[in-house]
């Protein structure tokens, strides 16, 4: 017997996979249920508001996964520039392994559904905020002033999102690697110079 909540998790995970690969509008409730392996009745039990409620849950989960990835990479990185480089390498690897069929786990849902659904829009805002906070914190640790760190972090998320689209269309991870390399240089340039004694 499935543990309580197990079907809900399977449904949301299936939605993330399907939305990432084929978009929100092109993915139906029946397809989500079939991919999840959960009984269709459990889908309506956990998500009585239907597909939009699943969409918000999928954006939330995908956002948490990316934030956790950034958090783990922060433990390996020596600097904010190193962090964004490691993240770019991981993104490029993911895209290549999917043969560029996968995109950003939340972008398709937000582009198609956020204008009409506030819960999905709020889930997207929370996800982007968490991602930019992780980059901002890394920049602050490097000595970048907080306000400037926040600006750079938000710019980085926007640039990376654009590179994912280019990678998917061009069937190449070059755009991701080039973008994160440039971001790394920007991050390094933004660091406060070390004040030498006697100067």
N, C-alpha and C. Protein backbone atom coordinates (compact mmCIF):
# COMPACT_ATOMS: atom_id res chain seq x y z
N UNK A 1 0.85 -1.20 0.00
CA UNK A 1 0.00 0.00 0.00
C UNK A 1 0.88 1.25 0.00
N UNK A 2 0.51 2.25 -0.80
CA UNK A 2 1.29 3.48 -0.88
C UNK A 2 1.19 4.26 0.41
N UNK A 3 2.31 4.83 0.84
CA UNK A 3 2.31 5.67 2.03
C UNK A 3 1.53 6.94 1.74
N UNK A 4 0.99 7.55 2.80
CA UNK A 4 0.21 8.78 2.66
C UNK A 4 1.07 9.86 1.99
N UNK A 5 0.56 10.45 0.97
CA UNK A 5 1.28 11.50 0.26
C UNK A 5 2.17 11.01 -0.85
N UNK A 6 2.38 9.69 -0.93
CA UNK A 6 3.27 9.15 -1.96
C UNK A 6 2.72 9.41 -3.36
N UNK A 7 1.43 9.24 -3.53
CA UNK A 7 0.83 9.49 -4.84
C UNK A 7 0.93 10.97 -5.20
N UNK A 8 0.75 11.84 -4.21
CA UNK A 8 0.86 13.28 -4.48
C UNK A 8 2.24 13.62 -5.01
N UNK A 9 3.27 13.10 -4.34
CA UNK A 9 4.64 13.37 -4.78
C UNK A 9 4.88 12.85 -6.19
N UNK A 10 4.37 11.65 -6.48
CA UNK A 10 4.55 11.07 -7.81
C UNK A 10 3.87 11.92 -8.88
N UNK A 11 2.70 12.44 -8.57
CA UNK A 11 1.96 13.28 -9.51
C UNK A 11 2.73 14.56 -9.81
N UNK A 12 3.24 15.21 -8.77
CA UNK A 12 3.98 16.47 -8.96
C UNK A 12 5.27 16.22 -9.73
N UNK A 13 5.98 15.15 -9.40
CA UNK A 13 7.21 14.83 -10.10
C UNK A 13 6.95 14.53 -11.58
N UNK A 14 5.87 13.83 -11.86
CA UNK A 14 5.50 13.57 -13.26
C UNK A 14 5.17 14.87 -13.98
N UNK A 15 4.47 15.76 -13.31
CA UNK A 15 4.13 17.04 -13.92
C UNK A 15 5.38 17.85 -14.25
N UNK A 16 6.34 17.84 -13.34
CA UNK A 16 7.60 18.56 -13.60
C UNK A 16 8.27 18.01 -14.86
N UNK A 17 8.36 16.70 -14.96
CA UNK A 17 8.99 16.07 -16.13
C UNK A 17 8.26 16.44 -17.42
N UNK A 18 6.95 16.31 -17.41
CA UNK A 18 6.17 16.54 -18.63
C UNK A 18 6.14 18.01 -19.02
N UNK A 19 5.96 18.90 -18.05
CA UNK A 19 5.93 20.32 -18.35
C UNK A 19 7.28 20.77 -18.91
N UNK A 20 8.36 20.25 -18.32
CA UNK A 20 9.70 20.64 -18.75
C UNK A 20 9.95 20.21 -20.20
N UNK A 21 9.41 19.08 -20.57
CA UNK A 21 9.71 18.52 -21.89
C UNK A 21 8.75 19.01 -22.97
N UNK A 22 7.45 19.12 -22.66
CA UNK A 22 6.50 19.41 -23.73
C UNK A 22 5.62 20.62 -23.48
N UNK A 23 5.80 21.27 -22.33
CA UNK A 23 5.05 22.48 -22.04
C UNK A 23 3.80 22.22 -21.21
N UNK A 24 3.26 23.29 -20.68
CA UNK A 24 2.10 23.21 -19.80
C UNK A 24 0.82 22.93 -20.58
N UNK A 25 0.59 23.71 -21.61
CA UNK A 25 -0.67 23.59 -22.36
C UNK A 25 -0.79 22.23 -23.04
N UNK A 26 0.34 21.68 -23.48
CA UNK A 26 0.31 20.43 -24.24
C UNK A 26 0.22 19.19 -23.34
N UNK A 27 0.26 19.39 -22.06
CA UNK A 27 0.22 18.27 -21.12
C UNK A 27 -1.16 18.18 -20.47
N UNK A 28 -1.80 17.03 -20.61
CA UNK A 28 -3.13 16.86 -20.06
C UNK A 28 -3.13 16.14 -18.71
N UNK A 29 -4.23 16.26 -18.02
CA UNK A 29 -4.40 15.62 -16.72
C UNK A 29 -4.22 14.10 -16.83
N UNK A 30 -4.82 13.50 -17.85
CA UNK A 30 -4.72 12.06 -18.02
C UNK A 30 -3.27 11.62 -18.22
N UNK A 31 -2.51 12.43 -18.94
CA UNK A 31 -1.12 12.11 -19.20
C UNK A 31 -0.30 12.17 -17.91
N UNK A 32 -0.59 13.17 -17.09
CA UNK A 32 0.11 13.29 -15.80
C UNK A 32 -0.20 12.08 -14.93
N UNK A 33 -1.46 11.71 -14.89
CA UNK A 33 -1.85 10.55 -14.08
C UNK A 33 -1.15 9.28 -14.57
N UNK A 34 -1.12 9.09 -15.88
CA UNK A 34 -0.50 7.89 -16.44
C UNK A 34 0.99 7.86 -16.17
N UNK A 35 1.66 8.99 -16.36
CA UNK A 35 3.10 9.05 -16.15
C UNK A 35 3.48 8.86 -14.69
N UNK A 36 2.62 9.32 -13.79
CA UNK A 36 2.92 9.22 -12.35
C UNK A 36 2.72 7.82 -11.81
N UNK A 37 1.86 7.03 -12.48
CA UNK A 37 1.53 5.71 -11.97
C UNK A 37 0.53 5.75 -10.83
N UNK A 38 0.03 6.93 -10.51
CA UNK A 38 -0.94 7.08 -9.41
C UNK A 38 -2.35 6.89 -9.95
N UNK A 39 -3.25 6.37 -9.13
CA UNK A 39 -4.65 6.26 -9.55
C UNK A 39 -5.21 7.64 -9.90
N UNK A 40 -6.01 7.71 -10.94
CA UNK A 40 -6.52 9.01 -11.36
C UNK A 40 -7.34 9.67 -10.26
N UNK A 41 -8.01 8.87 -9.44
CA UNK A 41 -8.78 9.43 -8.34
C UNK A 41 -7.93 10.19 -7.35
N UNK A 42 -6.67 9.74 -7.16
CA UNK A 42 -5.80 10.43 -6.20
C UNK A 42 -5.40 11.79 -6.73
N UNK A 43 -5.36 11.93 -8.06
CA UNK A 43 -5.03 13.23 -8.64
C UNK A 43 -6.08 14.26 -8.24
N UNK A 44 -7.34 13.88 -8.34
CA UNK A 44 -8.41 14.81 -7.96
C UNK A 44 -8.51 14.97 -6.44
N UNK A 45 -8.08 13.95 -5.72
CA UNK A 45 -8.09 14.04 -4.26
C UNK A 45 -7.08 15.09 -3.79
N UNK A 46 -5.86 15.03 -4.32
CA UNK A 46 -4.81 15.95 -3.89
C UNK A 46 -4.88 17.30 -4.58
N UNK A 47 -5.47 17.33 -5.77
CA UNK A 47 -5.51 18.58 -6.53
C UNK A 47 -6.94 18.84 -7.03
N UNK A 48 -7.84 19.16 -6.10
CA UNK A 48 -9.24 19.36 -6.47
C UNK A 48 -9.44 20.54 -7.42
N UNK A 49 -8.49 21.48 -7.43
CA UNK A 49 -8.61 22.64 -8.33
C UNK A 49 -8.09 22.33 -9.73
N UNK A 50 -7.60 21.11 -9.93
CA UNK A 50 -7.21 20.68 -11.27
C UNK A 50 -5.79 21.03 -11.68
N UNK A 51 -5.63 21.18 -12.98
CA UNK A 51 -4.30 21.30 -13.58
C UNK A 51 -3.52 22.52 -13.08
N UNK A 52 -4.19 23.63 -12.87
CA UNK A 52 -3.50 24.83 -12.39
C UNK A 52 -2.88 24.59 -11.02
N UNK A 53 -3.57 23.87 -10.17
CA UNK A 53 -3.04 23.56 -8.84
C UNK A 53 -1.82 22.64 -8.96
N UNK A 54 -1.87 21.71 -9.88
CA UNK A 54 -0.71 20.85 -10.14
C UNK A 54 0.44 21.70 -10.68
N UNK A 55 0.12 22.65 -11.55
CA UNK A 55 1.15 23.53 -12.11
C UNK A 55 1.88 24.31 -11.03
N UNK A 56 1.14 24.85 -10.08
CA UNK A 56 1.76 25.60 -8.98
C UNK A 56 2.65 24.69 -8.15
N UNK A 57 2.17 23.48 -7.88
CA UNK A 57 2.96 22.53 -7.09
C UNK A 57 4.22 22.12 -7.85
N UNK A 58 4.11 21.95 -9.16
CA UNK A 58 5.26 21.56 -9.97
C UNK A 58 6.31 22.67 -10.00
N UNK A 59 5.88 23.91 -10.14
CA UNK A 59 6.81 25.04 -10.12
C UNK A 59 7.52 25.12 -8.77
N UNK A 60 6.76 24.92 -7.70
CA UNK A 60 7.35 24.96 -6.36
C UNK A 60 8.40 23.87 -6.19
N UNK A 61 8.06 22.64 -6.59
CA UNK A 61 9.01 21.54 -6.45
C UNK A 61 10.25 21.78 -7.30
N UNK A 62 10.07 22.15 -8.55
CA UNK A 62 11.21 22.38 -9.43
C UNK A 62 12.09 23.50 -8.89
N UNK A 63 11.46 24.54 -8.36
CA UNK A 63 12.23 25.64 -7.77
C UNK A 63 13.05 25.18 -6.59
N UNK A 64 12.49 24.31 -5.77
CA UNK A 64 13.20 23.79 -4.61
C UNK A 64 14.38 22.92 -5.02
N UNK A 65 14.20 22.14 -6.09
CA UNK A 65 15.28 21.28 -6.57
C UNK A 65 16.46 22.11 -7.06
N UNK A 66 16.18 23.16 -7.82
CA UNK A 66 17.25 24.03 -8.30
C UNK A 66 17.94 24.74 -7.14
N UNK A 67 17.16 25.24 -6.18
CA UNK A 67 17.75 25.91 -5.02
C UNK A 67 18.64 24.95 -4.24
N UNK A 68 18.21 23.70 -4.09
CA UNK A 68 19.02 22.71 -3.39
C UNK A 68 20.31 22.42 -4.16
N UNK A 69 20.21 22.38 -5.49
CA UNK A 69 21.40 22.17 -6.32
C UNK A 69 22.40 23.29 -6.13
N UNK A 70 21.92 24.52 -6.15
CA UNK A 70 22.80 25.67 -5.93
C UNK A 70 23.42 25.62 -4.53
N UNK A 71 22.62 25.23 -3.55
CA UNK A 71 23.14 25.12 -2.19
C UNK A 71 24.24 24.08 -2.08
N UNK A 72 24.05 22.95 -2.74
CA UNK A 72 25.08 21.90 -2.72
C UNK A 72 26.35 22.36 -3.44
N UNK A 73 26.17 23.05 -4.57
CA UNK A 73 27.34 23.53 -5.31
C UNK A 73 28.11 24.60 -4.54
N UNK A 74 27.39 25.37 -3.72
CA UNK A 74 28.07 26.38 -2.89
C UNK A 74 29.08 25.74 -1.95
N UNK A 75 28.80 24.51 -1.53
CA UNK A 75 29.73 23.82 -0.64
C UNK A 75 31.00 23.40 -1.37
N UNK A 76 30.93 23.27 -2.69
CA UNK A 76 32.09 22.88 -3.49
C UNK A 76 32.85 24.09 -4.03
N UNK A 77 32.14 25.19 -4.24
CA UNK A 77 32.71 26.34 -4.94
C UNK A 77 33.62 27.16 -4.03
N UNK A 78 34.66 27.73 -4.65
CA UNK A 78 35.58 28.60 -3.92
C UNK A 78 35.17 30.06 -4.01
N UNK A 79 34.25 30.37 -4.90
CA UNK A 79 33.82 31.75 -5.11
C UNK A 79 32.49 31.75 -5.83
N UNK A 80 31.88 32.93 -5.94
CA UNK A 80 30.63 33.04 -6.69
C UNK A 80 30.86 32.72 -8.16
N UNK A 81 32.01 33.14 -8.68
CA UNK A 81 32.34 32.84 -10.08
C UNK A 81 32.46 31.33 -10.28
N UNK A 82 33.08 30.66 -9.33
CA UNK A 82 33.21 29.21 -9.39
C UNK A 82 31.84 28.55 -9.31
N UNK A 83 30.98 29.09 -8.45
CA UNK A 83 29.63 28.54 -8.30
C UNK A 83 28.86 28.60 -9.61
N UNK A 84 28.86 29.74 -10.26
CA UNK A 84 28.08 29.87 -11.50
C UNK A 84 28.68 29.01 -12.61
N UNK A 85 30.00 28.82 -12.57
CA UNK A 85 30.63 27.95 -13.55
C UNK A 85 30.24 26.49 -13.34
N UNK A 86 30.22 26.05 -12.09
CA UNK A 86 29.81 24.68 -11.78
C UNK A 86 28.36 24.45 -12.16
N UNK A 87 27.53 25.46 -11.89
CA UNK A 87 26.12 25.34 -12.22
C UNK A 87 25.91 25.26 -13.73
N UNK A 88 26.66 26.07 -14.46
CA UNK A 88 26.57 26.04 -15.92
C UNK A 88 26.98 24.69 -16.48
N UNK A 89 28.02 24.12 -15.92
CA UNK A 89 28.47 22.80 -16.38
C UNK A 89 27.40 21.75 -16.11
N UNK A 90 26.77 21.85 -14.95
CA UNK A 90 25.71 20.88 -14.61
C UNK A 90 24.50 21.05 -15.53
N UNK A 91 24.10 22.30 -15.76
CA UNK A 91 22.98 22.54 -16.67
C UNK A 91 23.27 22.02 -18.07
N UNK A 92 24.47 22.30 -18.56
CA UNK A 92 24.84 21.83 -19.88
C UNK A 92 24.81 20.31 -19.98
N UNK A 93 25.28 19.65 -18.93
CA UNK A 93 25.25 18.19 -18.90
C UNK A 93 23.84 17.65 -18.90
N UNK A 94 22.95 18.28 -18.12
CA UNK A 94 21.55 17.85 -18.08
C UNK A 94 20.90 18.00 -19.46
N UNK A 95 21.16 19.14 -20.09
CA UNK A 95 20.55 19.38 -21.39
C UNK A 95 21.05 18.37 -22.42
N UNK A 96 22.35 18.11 -22.40
CA UNK A 96 22.92 17.16 -23.35
C UNK A 96 22.37 15.75 -23.12
N UNK A 97 22.23 15.37 -21.86
CA UNK A 97 21.75 14.02 -21.57
C UNK A 97 20.30 13.82 -21.99
N UNK A 98 19.53 14.92 -22.06
CA UNK A 98 18.14 14.83 -22.52
C UNK A 98 18.04 15.02 -24.03
N UNK A 99 19.20 15.16 -24.70
CA UNK A 99 19.24 15.45 -26.14
C UNK A 99 18.47 16.74 -26.45
N UNK A 100 18.56 17.67 -25.48
CA UNK A 100 17.97 19.01 -25.60
C UNK A 100 16.45 18.99 -25.73
N UNK A 101 15.85 17.94 -25.21
CA UNK A 101 14.38 17.88 -25.18
C UNK A 101 13.85 18.59 -23.95
N UNK A 102 14.64 18.64 -22.89
CA UNK A 102 14.20 19.28 -21.66
C UNK A 102 14.57 20.76 -21.67
N UNK A 103 13.77 21.55 -20.98
CA UNK A 103 14.07 22.96 -20.82
C UNK A 103 14.11 23.32 -19.35
N UNK A 104 13.99 24.59 -19.05
CA UNK A 104 13.91 25.01 -17.65
C UNK A 104 12.69 24.36 -17.02
N UNK A 105 12.82 23.82 -15.81
CA UNK A 105 11.70 23.11 -15.20
C UNK A 105 10.50 23.97 -14.85
N UNK A 106 10.66 25.29 -14.86
CA UNK A 106 9.50 26.13 -14.52
C UNK A 106 9.11 27.11 -15.63
N UNK A 107 10.01 27.36 -16.58
CA UNK A 107 9.76 28.42 -17.56
C UNK A 107 8.51 28.19 -18.39
N UNK A 108 8.32 26.95 -18.88
CA UNK A 108 7.16 26.72 -19.74
C UNK A 108 5.85 26.96 -19.00
N UNK A 109 5.80 26.54 -17.75
CA UNK A 109 4.57 26.73 -16.97
C UNK A 109 4.32 28.22 -16.74
N UNK A 110 5.37 28.95 -16.37
CA UNK A 110 5.21 30.37 -16.09
C UNK A 110 4.82 31.15 -17.34
N UNK A 111 5.46 30.86 -18.45
CA UNK A 111 5.17 31.59 -19.68
C UNK A 111 3.74 31.35 -20.16
N UNK A 112 3.26 30.12 -19.98
CA UNK A 112 1.94 29.78 -20.49
C UNK A 112 0.81 30.06 -19.51
N UNK A 113 1.09 29.94 -18.20
CA UNK A 113 -0.01 29.97 -17.24
C UNK A 113 0.04 31.10 -16.22
N UNK A 114 1.23 31.65 -15.95
CA UNK A 114 1.34 32.65 -14.89
C UNK A 114 0.46 33.88 -15.11
N UNK A 115 0.35 34.39 -16.35
CA UNK A 115 -0.48 35.59 -16.51
C UNK A 115 -1.91 35.42 -16.03
N UNK A 116 -2.42 34.19 -16.09
CA UNK A 116 -3.83 33.96 -15.73
C UNK A 116 -4.02 33.31 -14.37
N UNK A 117 -2.94 32.87 -13.74
CA UNK A 117 -3.08 32.15 -12.48
C UNK A 117 -2.10 32.70 -11.45
N UNK A 118 -2.63 33.35 -10.42
CA UNK A 118 -1.78 34.01 -9.44
C UNK A 118 -0.99 33.01 -8.60
N UNK A 119 -1.55 31.83 -8.33
CA UNK A 119 -0.82 30.83 -7.53
C UNK A 119 0.43 30.36 -8.28
N UNK A 120 0.32 30.15 -9.58
CA UNK A 120 1.47 29.76 -10.37
C UNK A 120 2.48 30.90 -10.43
N UNK A 121 1.99 32.12 -10.62
CA UNK A 121 2.88 33.28 -10.66
C UNK A 121 3.64 33.43 -9.34
N UNK A 122 2.96 33.25 -8.22
CA UNK A 122 3.61 33.37 -6.92
C UNK A 122 4.64 32.28 -6.72
N UNK A 123 4.33 31.06 -7.16
CA UNK A 123 5.31 29.97 -7.06
C UNK A 123 6.55 30.30 -7.88
N UNK A 124 6.37 30.91 -9.04
CA UNK A 124 7.50 31.32 -9.87
C UNK A 124 8.32 32.41 -9.21
N UNK A 125 7.66 33.39 -8.62
CA UNK A 125 8.39 34.46 -7.94
C UNK A 125 9.23 33.90 -6.80
N UNK A 126 8.65 32.98 -6.06
CA UNK A 126 9.37 32.37 -4.94
C UNK A 126 10.59 31.59 -5.42
N UNK A 127 10.41 30.86 -6.53
CA UNK A 127 11.53 30.08 -7.08
C UNK A 127 12.66 30.99 -7.53
N UNK A 128 12.33 32.00 -8.32
CA UNK A 128 13.38 32.91 -8.81
C UNK A 128 14.05 33.64 -7.65
N UNK A 129 13.28 34.00 -6.65
CA UNK A 129 13.85 34.67 -5.48
C UNK A 129 14.85 33.77 -4.75
N UNK A 130 14.51 32.50 -4.59
CA UNK A 130 15.41 31.56 -3.92
C UNK A 130 16.70 31.37 -4.72
N UNK A 131 16.57 31.28 -6.05
CA UNK A 131 17.77 31.09 -6.87
C UNK A 131 18.68 32.31 -6.82
N UNK A 132 18.08 33.49 -6.94
CA UNK A 132 18.90 34.70 -6.92
C UNK A 132 19.49 34.95 -5.54
N UNK A 133 18.77 34.54 -4.50
CA UNK A 133 19.31 34.68 -3.14
C UNK A 133 20.56 33.84 -2.96
N UNK A 134 20.56 32.63 -3.51
CA UNK A 134 21.74 31.77 -3.39
C UNK A 134 22.94 32.42 -4.07
N UNK A 135 22.75 32.98 -5.26
CA UNK A 135 23.85 33.65 -5.95
C UNK A 135 24.26 34.93 -5.23
N UNK A 136 23.28 35.67 -4.75
CA UNK A 136 23.59 36.90 -4.02
C UNK A 136 24.43 36.60 -2.79
N UNK A 137 24.05 35.58 -2.04
CA UNK A 137 24.79 35.23 -0.83
C UNK A 137 26.24 34.87 -1.15
N UNK A 138 26.43 34.15 -2.26
CA UNK A 138 27.80 33.79 -2.67
C UNK A 138 28.60 35.04 -3.03
N UNK A 139 27.95 35.97 -3.71
CA UNK A 139 28.62 37.23 -4.07
C UNK A 139 28.96 38.05 -2.83
N UNK A 140 28.06 38.11 -1.88
CA UNK A 140 28.32 38.85 -0.65
C UNK A 140 29.50 38.26 0.10
N UNK A 141 29.59 36.93 0.11
CA UNK A 141 30.73 36.27 0.75
C UNK A 141 32.04 36.64 0.06
N UNK A 142 31.97 36.98 -1.22
CA UNK A 142 33.15 37.41 -1.97
C UNK A 142 33.47 38.88 -1.76
N UNK A 143 32.64 39.57 -0.98
CA UNK A 143 32.90 40.97 -0.72
C UNK A 143 32.14 41.94 -1.59
N UNK A 144 31.19 41.45 -2.38
CA UNK A 144 30.38 42.35 -3.21
C UNK A 144 29.31 42.99 -2.33
N UNK A 145 29.14 44.31 -2.39
CA UNK A 145 28.10 44.95 -1.59
C UNK A 145 26.73 44.34 -1.85
N UNK A 146 25.90 44.27 -0.81
CA UNK A 146 24.65 43.54 -0.87
C UNK A 146 23.74 43.98 -2.02
N UNK A 147 23.57 45.29 -2.19
CA UNK A 147 22.68 45.76 -3.25
C UNK A 147 23.19 45.36 -4.63
N UNK A 148 24.48 45.55 -4.85
CA UNK A 148 25.07 45.18 -6.13
C UNK A 148 25.02 43.66 -6.33
N UNK A 149 25.22 42.92 -5.26
CA UNK A 149 25.16 41.46 -5.34
C UNK A 149 23.77 41.01 -5.77
N UNK A 150 22.74 41.66 -5.22
CA UNK A 150 21.37 41.32 -5.60
C UNK A 150 21.09 41.60 -7.07
N UNK A 151 21.60 42.75 -7.55
CA UNK A 151 21.41 43.09 -8.97
C UNK A 151 22.09 42.07 -9.88
N UNK A 152 23.32 41.73 -9.54
CA UNK A 152 24.06 40.77 -10.35
C UNK A 152 23.40 39.39 -10.34
N UNK A 153 22.91 39.01 -9.17
CA UNK A 153 22.27 37.69 -9.05
C UNK A 153 21.01 37.61 -9.91
N UNK A 154 20.19 38.66 -9.87
CA UNK A 154 18.97 38.66 -10.68
C UNK A 154 19.30 38.68 -12.17
N UNK A 155 20.33 39.45 -12.53
CA UNK A 155 20.76 39.47 -13.92
C UNK A 155 21.25 38.09 -14.35
N UNK A 156 21.97 37.42 -13.48
CA UNK A 156 22.51 36.09 -13.79
C UNK A 156 21.38 35.10 -14.06
N UNK A 157 20.34 35.13 -13.23
CA UNK A 157 19.22 34.21 -13.44
C UNK A 157 18.57 34.48 -14.79
N UNK A 158 18.38 35.76 -15.12
CA UNK A 158 17.78 36.10 -16.41
C UNK A 158 18.65 35.62 -17.57
N UNK A 159 19.96 35.80 -17.44
CA UNK A 159 20.88 35.38 -18.50
C UNK A 159 20.91 33.86 -18.66
N UNK A 160 20.92 33.16 -17.55
CA UNK A 160 20.95 31.70 -17.60
C UNK A 160 19.66 31.17 -18.22
N UNK A 161 18.52 31.75 -17.84
CA UNK A 161 17.25 31.32 -18.43
C UNK A 161 17.26 31.49 -19.95
N UNK A 162 17.81 32.61 -20.41
CA UNK A 162 17.91 32.83 -21.85
C UNK A 162 18.83 31.83 -22.52
N UNK A 163 19.90 31.47 -21.84
CA UNK A 163 20.85 30.51 -22.42
C UNK A 163 20.24 29.13 -22.56
N UNK A 164 19.32 28.78 -21.65
CA UNK A 164 18.65 27.48 -21.75
C UNK A 164 17.78 27.40 -23.00
N UNK A 165 17.11 28.51 -23.31
CA UNK A 165 16.30 28.55 -24.53
C UNK A 165 17.19 28.39 -25.75
N UNK A 166 18.30 29.13 -25.78
CA UNK A 166 19.21 29.04 -26.92
C UNK A 166 19.79 27.63 -27.06
N UNK A 167 20.11 27.00 -25.94
CA UNK A 167 20.66 25.65 -25.96
C UNK A 167 19.65 24.67 -26.54
N UNK A 168 18.41 24.81 -26.12
CA UNK A 168 17.38 23.88 -26.59
C UNK A 168 17.12 24.05 -28.08
N UNK A 169 17.07 25.29 -28.53
CA UNK A 169 16.81 25.55 -29.95
C UNK A 169 18.01 25.14 -30.81
N UNK A 170 19.23 25.43 -30.31
CA UNK A 170 20.42 25.17 -31.08
C UNK A 170 21.01 23.79 -30.90
N UNK A 171 20.42 22.98 -30.01
CA UNK A 171 20.92 21.64 -29.73
C UNK A 171 22.41 21.66 -29.37
N UNK A 172 22.76 22.63 -28.54
CA UNK A 172 24.15 22.76 -28.10
C UNK A 172 24.17 23.44 -26.74
N UNK A 173 25.07 22.97 -25.87
CA UNK A 173 25.20 23.58 -24.55
C UNK A 173 26.16 24.76 -24.55
N UNK A 174 26.65 25.15 -25.72
CA UNK A 174 27.63 26.23 -25.79
C UNK A 174 27.10 27.53 -25.19
N UNK A 175 25.84 27.85 -25.47
CA UNK A 175 25.28 29.10 -24.96
C UNK A 175 25.27 29.13 -23.44
N UNK A 176 25.01 27.99 -22.82
CA UNK A 176 25.00 27.92 -21.36
C UNK A 176 26.40 28.14 -20.81
N UNK A 177 27.36 27.45 -21.39
CA UNK A 177 28.73 27.55 -20.90
C UNK A 177 29.31 28.95 -21.14
N UNK A 178 29.02 29.52 -22.31
CA UNK A 178 29.50 30.87 -22.59
C UNK A 178 28.88 31.89 -21.66
N UNK A 179 27.58 31.74 -21.42
CA UNK A 179 26.87 32.68 -20.54
C UNK A 179 27.41 32.61 -19.12
N UNK A 180 27.57 31.41 -18.59
CA UNK A 180 28.05 31.30 -17.21
C UNK A 180 29.52 31.70 -17.09
N UNK A 181 30.28 31.51 -18.17
CA UNK A 181 31.67 31.98 -18.15
C UNK A 181 31.72 33.50 -18.07
N UNK A 182 30.89 34.17 -18.86
CA UNK A 182 30.83 35.64 -18.81
C UNK A 182 30.33 36.12 -17.46
N UNK A 183 29.34 35.43 -16.92
CA UNK A 183 28.84 35.80 -15.60
C UNK A 183 29.93 35.66 -14.55
N UNK A 184 30.72 34.60 -14.65
CA UNK A 184 31.82 34.41 -13.71
C UNK A 184 32.80 35.56 -13.76
N UNK A 185 33.09 36.05 -14.95
CA UNK A 185 33.99 37.20 -15.08
C UNK A 185 33.39 38.45 -14.46
N UNK A 186 32.09 38.62 -14.66
CA UNK A 186 31.41 39.77 -14.05
C UNK A 186 31.45 39.66 -12.53
N UNK A 187 31.21 38.47 -12.02
CA UNK A 187 31.22 38.26 -10.57
C UNK A 187 32.61 38.57 -10.00
N UNK A 188 33.64 38.13 -10.69
CA UNK A 188 35.00 38.37 -10.21
C UNK A 188 35.32 39.86 -10.23
N UNK A 189 34.90 40.55 -11.28
CA UNK A 189 35.16 41.99 -11.40
C UNK A 189 34.44 42.80 -10.33
N UNK A 190 33.32 42.27 -9.84
CA UNK A 190 32.52 43.00 -8.86
C UNK A 190 33.06 42.89 -7.44
N UNK A 191 34.02 42.00 -7.23
CA UNK A 191 34.56 41.83 -5.88
C UNK A 191 35.29 43.08 -5.44
N UNK A 192 35.20 43.40 -4.15
CA UNK A 192 35.91 44.56 -3.62
C UNK A 192 37.41 44.28 -3.66
N UNK A 193 38.18 45.24 -4.12
CA UNK A 193 39.64 45.04 -4.08
C UNK A 193 40.12 45.00 -2.64
N UNK A 194 41.11 44.17 -2.39
CA UNK A 194 41.67 44.07 -1.03
C UNK A 194 42.53 45.28 -0.77
N UNK A 195 42.27 45.97 0.35
CA UNK A 195 43.03 47.18 0.68
C UNK A 195 44.37 46.77 1.29
N UNK A 196 45.47 47.21 0.68
CA UNK A 196 46.79 46.90 1.17
C UNK A 196 47.18 47.83 2.31
N UNK A 197 47.84 47.30 3.32
CA UNK A 197 48.29 48.12 4.45
C UNK A 197 49.32 49.13 3.95
N UNK A 198 49.14 50.37 4.37
CA UNK A 198 50.07 51.41 3.98
C UNK A 198 49.76 52.06 2.65
N UNK A 199 48.62 51.67 2.05
CA UNK A 199 48.24 52.29 0.76
C UNK A 199 46.92 53.02 0.90
